[in-house]
Amino acid sequence: MNANIIALILKKWSIFISIRYSQDVKDSLVKLHQEVRSLKSLAEEFGPSKDSIAIWFK
């Protein structure tokens, strides 16, 4: 199978791959959000969705 086709398939299905974040990472992102950072900026920079960070914040 062509490498480009494989890359396209992986990209398409990557939304279904679950990534587990350590408690330290979660705590760090929550602390940044509490201090001044928006959920959007944290999600864009570090990868977890805004919704995930919001859940950790609760």
PDB file of N, CA and C in Angstrom:
ATOM      1  N   MET A   1       0.848  -1.177   0.000  1.00  0.00           N
ATOM      2  CA  MET A   1       0.000   0.000   0.000  1.00  0.00           C
ATOM      3  C   MET A   1       0.893   1.239   0.000  1.00  0.00           C
ATOM      4  N   ASN A   2       0.514   2.222  -0.748  1.00  0.00           N
ATOM      5  CA  ASN A   2       1.260   3.467  -0.874  1.00  0.00           C
ATOM      6  C   ASN A   2       1.312   4.200   0.477  1.00  0.00           C
ATOM      7  N   ALA A   3       2.478   4.766   0.821  1.00  0.00           N
ATOM      8  CA  ALA A   3       2.665   5.472   2.097  1.00  0.00           C
ATOM      9  C   ALA A   3       1.721   6.664   2.228  1.00  0.00           C
ATOM     10  N   ASN A   4       1.423   7.340   1.129  1.00  0.00           N
ATOM     11  CA  ASN A   4       0.493   8.480   1.173  1.00  0.00           C
ATOM     12  C   ASN A   4      -0.923   8.035   1.534  1.00  0.00           C
ATOM     13  N   ILE A   5      -1.314   6.890   1.023  1.00  0.00           N
ATOM     14  CA  ILE A   5      -2.645   6.366   1.335  1.00  0.00           C
ATOM     15  C   ILE A   5      -2.721   5.983   2.808  1.00  0.00           C
ATOM     16  N   ILE A   6      -1.673   5.352   3.313  1.00  0.00           N
ATOM     17  CA  ILE A   6      -1.632   4.968   4.726  1.00  0.00           C
ATOM     18  C   ILE A   6      -1.695   6.210   5.612  1.00  0.00           C
ATOM     19  N   ALA A   7      -0.936   7.243   5.276  1.00  0.00           N
ATOM     20  CA  ALA A   7      -0.939   8.480   6.050  1.00  0.00           C
ATOM     21  C   ALA A   7      -2.330   9.110   6.048  1.00  0.00           C
ATOM     22  N   LEU A   8      -2.994   9.091   4.908  1.00  0.00           N
ATOM     23  CA  LEU A   8      -4.343   9.650   4.801  1.00  0.00           C
ATOM     24  C   LEU A   8      -5.333   8.875   5.673  1.00  0.00           C
ATOM     25  N   ILE A   9      -5.235   7.561   5.656  1.00  0.00           N
ATOM     26  CA  ILE A   9      -6.119   6.724   6.474  1.00  0.00           C
ATOM     27  C   ILE A   9      -5.877   6.991   7.955  1.00  0.00           C
ATOM     28  N   LEU A  10      -4.612   7.050   8.360  1.00  0.00           N
ATOM     29  CA  LEU A  10      -4.292   7.304   9.763  1.00  0.00           C
ATOM     30  C   LEU A  10      -4.786   8.668  10.209  1.00  0.00           C
ATOM     31  N   LYS A  11      -4.635   9.670   9.351  1.00  0.00           N
ATOM     32  CA  LYS A  11      -5.102  11.014   9.689  1.00  0.00           C
ATOM     33  C   LYS A  11      -6.617  11.022   9.851  1.00  0.00           C
ATOM     34  N   LYS A  12      -7.313  10.347   8.954  1.00  0.00           N
ATOM     35  CA  LYS A  12      -8.771  10.309   9.004  1.00  0.00           C
ATOM     36  C   LYS A  12      -9.256   9.623  10.274  1.00  0.00           C
ATOM     37  N   TRP A  13      -8.597   8.564  10.703  1.00  0.00           N
ATOM     38  CA  TRP A  13      -9.043   7.794  11.857  1.00  0.00           C
ATOM     39  C   TRP A  13      -8.423   8.259  13.170  1.00  0.00           C
ATOM     40  N   SER A  14      -7.525   9.224  13.133  1.00  0.00           N
ATOM     41  CA  SER A  14      -6.847   9.668  14.354  1.00  0.00           C
ATOM     42  C   SER A  14      -7.808  10.297  15.359  1.00  0.00           C
ATOM     43  N   ILE A  15      -8.949  10.787  14.890  1.00  0.00           N
ATOM     44  CA  ILE A  15      -9.914  11.379  15.818  1.00  0.00           C
ATOM     45  C   ILE A  15     -10.495  10.326  16.758  1.00  0.00           C
ATOM     46  N   PHE A  16     -10.355   9.053  16.414  1.00  0.00           N
ATOM     47  CA  PHE A  16     -10.895   7.983  17.243  1.00  0.00           C
ATOM     48  C   PHE A  16      -9.858   7.409  18.215  1.00  0.00           C
ATOM     49  N   ILE A  17      -8.630   7.886  18.135  1.00  0.00           N
ATOM     50  CA  ILE A  17      -7.573   7.388  19.002  1.00  0.00           C
ATOM     51  C   ILE A  17      -7.617   8.153  20.318  1.00  0.00           C
ATOM     52  N   SER A  18      -7.672   7.428  21.397  1.00  0.00           N
ATOM     53  CA  SER A  18      -7.748   8.042  22.717  1.00  0.00           C
ATOM     54  C   SER A  18      -6.336   8.227  23.270  1.00  0.00           C
ATOM     55  N   ILE A  19      -6.059   9.425  23.746  1.00  0.00           N
ATOM     56  CA  ILE A  19      -4.762   9.714  24.352  1.00  0.00           C
ATOM     57  C   ILE A  19      -4.985   9.917  25.839  1.00  0.00           C
ATOM     58  N   ARG A  20      -4.202   9.243  26.652  1.00  0.00           N
ATOM     59  CA  ARG A  20      -4.291   9.387  28.102  1.00  0.00           C
ATOM     60  C   ARG A  20      -3.228  10.370  28.565  1.00  0.00           C
ATOM     61  N   TYR A  21      -3.633  11.327  29.359  1.00  0.00           N
ATOM     62  CA  TYR A  21      -2.709  12.318  29.893  1.00  0.00           C
ATOM     63  C   TYR A  21      -2.450  12.018  31.363  1.00  0.00           C
ATOM     64  N   SER A  22      -1.200  12.168  31.788  1.00  0.00           N
ATOM     65  CA  SER A  22      -0.854  11.907  33.183  1.00  0.00           C
ATOM     66  C   SER A  22      -1.515  12.939  34.091  1.00  0.00           C
ATOM     67  N   GLN A  23      -1.629  12.601  35.353  1.00  0.00           N
ATOM     68  CA  GLN A  23      -2.231  13.522  36.307  1.00  0.00           C
ATOM     69  C   GLN A  23      -1.403  14.801  36.413  1.00  0.00           C
ATOM     70  N   ASP A  24      -0.073  14.691  36.281  1.00  0.00           N
ATOM     71  CA  ASP A  24       0.787  15.879  36.324  1.00  0.00           C
ATOM     72  C   ASP A  24       0.470  16.845  35.188  1.00  0.00           C
ATOM     73  N   VAL A  25       0.259  16.307  33.992  1.00  0.00           N
ATOM     74  CA  VAL A  25      -0.080  17.148  32.842  1.00  0.00           C
ATOM     75  C   VAL A  25      -1.435  17.803  33.070  1.00  0.00           C
ATOM     76  N   LYS A  26      -2.407  17.029  33.528  1.00  0.00           N
ATOM     77  CA  LYS A  26      -3.735  17.579  33.796  1.00  0.00           C
ATOM     78  C   LYS A  26      -3.650  18.709  34.822  1.00  0.00           C
ATOM     79  N   ASP A  27      -2.926  18.444  35.917  1.00  0.00           N
ATOM     80  CA  ASP A  27      -2.794  19.454  36.975  1.00  0.00           C
ATOM     81  C   ASP A  27      -2.126  20.723  36.458  1.00  0.00           C
ATOM     82  N   SER A  28      -1.117  20.556  35.603  1.00  0.00           N
ATOM     83  CA  SER A  28      -0.408  21.717  35.054  1.00  0.00           C
ATOM     84  C   SER A  28      -1.325  22.561  34.170  1.00  0.00           C
ATOM     85  N   LEU A  29      -2.125  21.901  33.341  1.00  0.00           N
ATOM     86  CA  LEU A  29      -3.038  22.631  32.457  1.00  0.00           C
ATOM     87  C   LEU A  29      -4.132  23.322  33.257  1.00  0.00           C
ATOM     88  N   VAL A  30      -4.629  22.666  34.290  1.00  0.00           N
ATOM     89  CA  VAL A  30      -5.646  23.286  35.148  1.00  0.00           C
ATOM     90  C   VAL A  30      -5.061  24.516  35.833  1.00  0.00           C
ATOM     91  N   LYS A  31      -3.832  24.394  36.321  1.00  0.00           N
ATOM     92  CA  LYS A  31      -3.188  25.537  36.983  1.00  0.00           C
ATOM     93  C   LYS A  31      -3.019  26.703  36.005  1.00  0.00           C
ATOM     94  N   LEU A  32      -2.574  26.412  34.792  1.00  0.00           N
ATOM     95  CA  LEU A  32      -2.431  27.473  33.785  1.00  0.00           C
ATOM     96  C   LEU A  32      -3.773  28.134  33.501  1.00  0.00           C
ATOM     97  N   HIS A  33      -4.830  27.324  33.427  1.00  0.00           N
ATOM     98  CA  HIS A  33      -6.162  27.882  33.166  1.00  0.00           C
ATOM     99  C   HIS A  33      -6.622  28.749  34.340  1.00  0.00           C
ATOM    100  N   GLN A  34      -6.350  28.326  35.543  1.00  0.00           N
ATOM    101  CA  GLN A  34      -6.737  29.104  36.722  1.00  0.00           C
ATOM    102  C   GLN A  34      -6.007  30.443  36.760  1.00  0.00           C
ATOM    103  N   GLU A  35      -4.750  30.436  36.306  1.00  0.00           N
ATOM    104  CA  GLU A  35      -3.957  31.668  36.368  1.00  0.00           C
ATOM    105  C   GLU A  35      -4.406  32.674  35.318  1.00  0.00           C
ATOM    106  N   VAL A  36      -4.367  32.320  34.044  1.00  0.00           N
ATOM    107  CA  VAL A  36      -4.751  33.299  33.014  1.00  0.00           C
ATOM    108  C   VAL A  36      -5.068  32.721  31.646  1.00  0.00           C
ATOM    109  N   ARG A  37      -4.737  31.490  31.383  1.00  0.00           N
ATOM    110  CA  ARG A  37      -4.854  30.969  30.019  1.00  0.00           C
ATOM    111  C   ARG A  37      -6.270  30.513  29.699  1.00  0.00           C
ATOM    112  N   SER A  38      -6.682  30.754  28.470  1.00  0.00           N
ATOM    113  CA  SER A  38      -7.999  30.298  28.028  1.00  0.00           C
ATOM    114  C   SER A  38      -7.938  28.806  27.685  1.00  0.00           C
ATOM    115  N   LEU A  39      -9.102  28.170  27.744  1.00  0.00           N
ATOM    116  CA  LEU A  39      -9.177  26.755  27.358  1.00  0.00           C
ATOM    117  C   LEU A  39      -8.746  26.581  25.908  1.00  0.00           C
ATOM    118  N   LYS A  40      -9.145  27.516  25.060  1.00  0.00           N
ATOM    119  CA  LYS A  40      -8.801  27.434  23.634  1.00  0.00           C
ATOM    120  C   LYS A  40      -7.290  27.465  23.428  1.00  0.00           C
ATOM    121  N   SER A  41      -6.599  28.383  24.101  1.00  0.00           N
ATOM    122  CA  SER A  41      -5.151  28.491  23.899  1.00  0.00           C
ATOM    123  C   SER A  41      -4.425  27.261  24.438  1.00  0.00           C
ATOM    124  N   LEU A  42      -4.898  26.720  25.549  1.00  0.00           N
ATOM    125  CA  LEU A  42      -4.283  25.509  26.105  1.00  0.00           C
ATOM    126  C   LEU A  42      -4.501  24.315  25.175  1.00  0.00           C
ATOM    127  N   ALA A  43      -5.709  24.196  24.648  1.00  0.00           N
ATOM    128  CA  ALA A  43      -6.014  23.101  23.729  1.00  0.00           C
ATOM    129  C   ALA A  43      -5.161  23.188  22.468  1.00  0.00           C
ATOM    130  N   GLU A  44      -5.015  24.388  21.929  1.00  0.00           N
ATOM    131  CA  GLU A  44      -4.221  24.564  20.708  1.00  0.00           C
ATOM    132  C   GLU A  44      -2.747  24.261  20.945  1.00  0.00           C
ATOM    133  N   GLU A  45      -2.224  24.656  22.108  1.00  0.00           N
ATOM    134  CA  GLU A  45      -0.799  24.480  22.373  1.00  0.00           C
ATOM    135  C   GLU A  45      -0.441  23.070  22.834  1.00  0.00           C
ATOM    136  N   PHE A  46      -1.299  22.451  23.657  1.00  0.00           N
ATOM    137  CA  PHE A  46      -0.919  21.192  24.290  1.00  0.00           C
ATOM    138  C   PHE A  46      -1.657  19.966  23.771  1.00  0.00           C
ATOM    139  N   GLY A  47      -2.778  20.142  23.056  1.00  0.00           N
ATOM    140  CA  GLY A  47      -3.414  19.001  22.416  1.00  0.00           C
ATOM    141  C   GLY A  47      -4.741  18.516  22.956  1.00  0.00           C
ATOM    142  N   PRO A  48      -4.943  18.453  24.275  1.00  0.00           N
ATOM    143  CA  PRO A  48      -6.258  17.990  24.735  1.00  0.00           C
ATOM    144  C   PRO A  48      -7.347  18.962  24.303  1.00  0.00           C
ATOM    145  N   SER A  49      -8.549  18.458  24.156  1.00  0.00           N
ATOM    146  CA  SER A  49      -9.650  19.340  23.745  1.00  0.00           C
ATOM    147  C   SER A  49     -10.011  20.303  24.864  1.00  0.00           C
ATOM    148  N   LYS A  50     -10.695  21.382  24.479  1.00  0.00           N
ATOM    149  CA  LYS A  50     -11.185  22.348  25.472  1.00  0.00           C
ATOM    150  C   LYS A  50     -12.107  21.649  26.459  1.00  0.00           C
ATOM    151  N   ASP A  51     -12.927  20.738  25.966  1.00  0.00           N
ATOM    152  CA  ASP A  51     -13.863  20.019  26.830  1.00  0.00           C
ATOM    153  C   ASP A  51     -13.137  19.158  27.859  1.00  0.00           C
ATOM    154  N   SER A  52     -12.075  18.490  27.435  1.00  0.00           N
ATOM    155  CA  SER A  52     -11.302  17.666  28.373  1.00  0.00           C
ATOM    156  C   SER A  52     -10.700  18.517  29.480  1.00  0.00           C
ATOM    157  N   ILE A  53     -10.109  19.630  29.109  1.00  0.00           N
ATOM    158  CA  ILE A  53      -9.488  20.511  30.115  1.00  0.00           C
ATOM    159  C   ILE A  53     -10.555  21.044  31.053  1.00  0.00           C
ATOM    160  N   ALA A  54     -11.727  21.389  30.523  1.00  0.00           N
ATOM    161  CA  ALA A  54     -12.816  21.896  31.355  1.00  0.00           C
ATOM    162  C   ALA A  54     -13.260  20.843  32.371  1.00  0.00           C
ATOM    163  N   ILE A  55     -13.307  19.596  31.949  1.00  0.00           N
ATOM    164  CA  ILE A  55     -13.675  18.504  32.864  1.00  0.00           C
ATOM    165  C   ILE A  55     -12.625  18.372  33.968  1.00  0.00           C
ATOM    166  N   TRP A  56     -11.346  18.457  33.608  1.00  0.00           N
ATOM    167  CA  TRP A  56     -10.278  18.354  34.614  1.00  0.00           C
ATOM    168  C   TRP A  56     -10.353  19.517  35.580  1.00  0.00           C
ATOM    169  N   PHE A  57     -10.806  20.662  35.106  1.00  0.00           N
ATOM    170  CA  PHE A  57     -10.882  21.877  35.918  1.00  0.00           C
ATOM    171  C   PHE A  57     -11.945  21.768  37.010  1.00  0.00           C
ATOM    172  N   LYS A  58     -13.000  21.005  36.737  1.00  0.00           N
ATOM    173  CA  LYS A  58     -14.117  20.910  37.692  1.00  0.00           C
ATOM    174  C   LYS A  58     -13.719  20.240  38.983  1.00  0.00           C
TER     175      LYS A  58
END
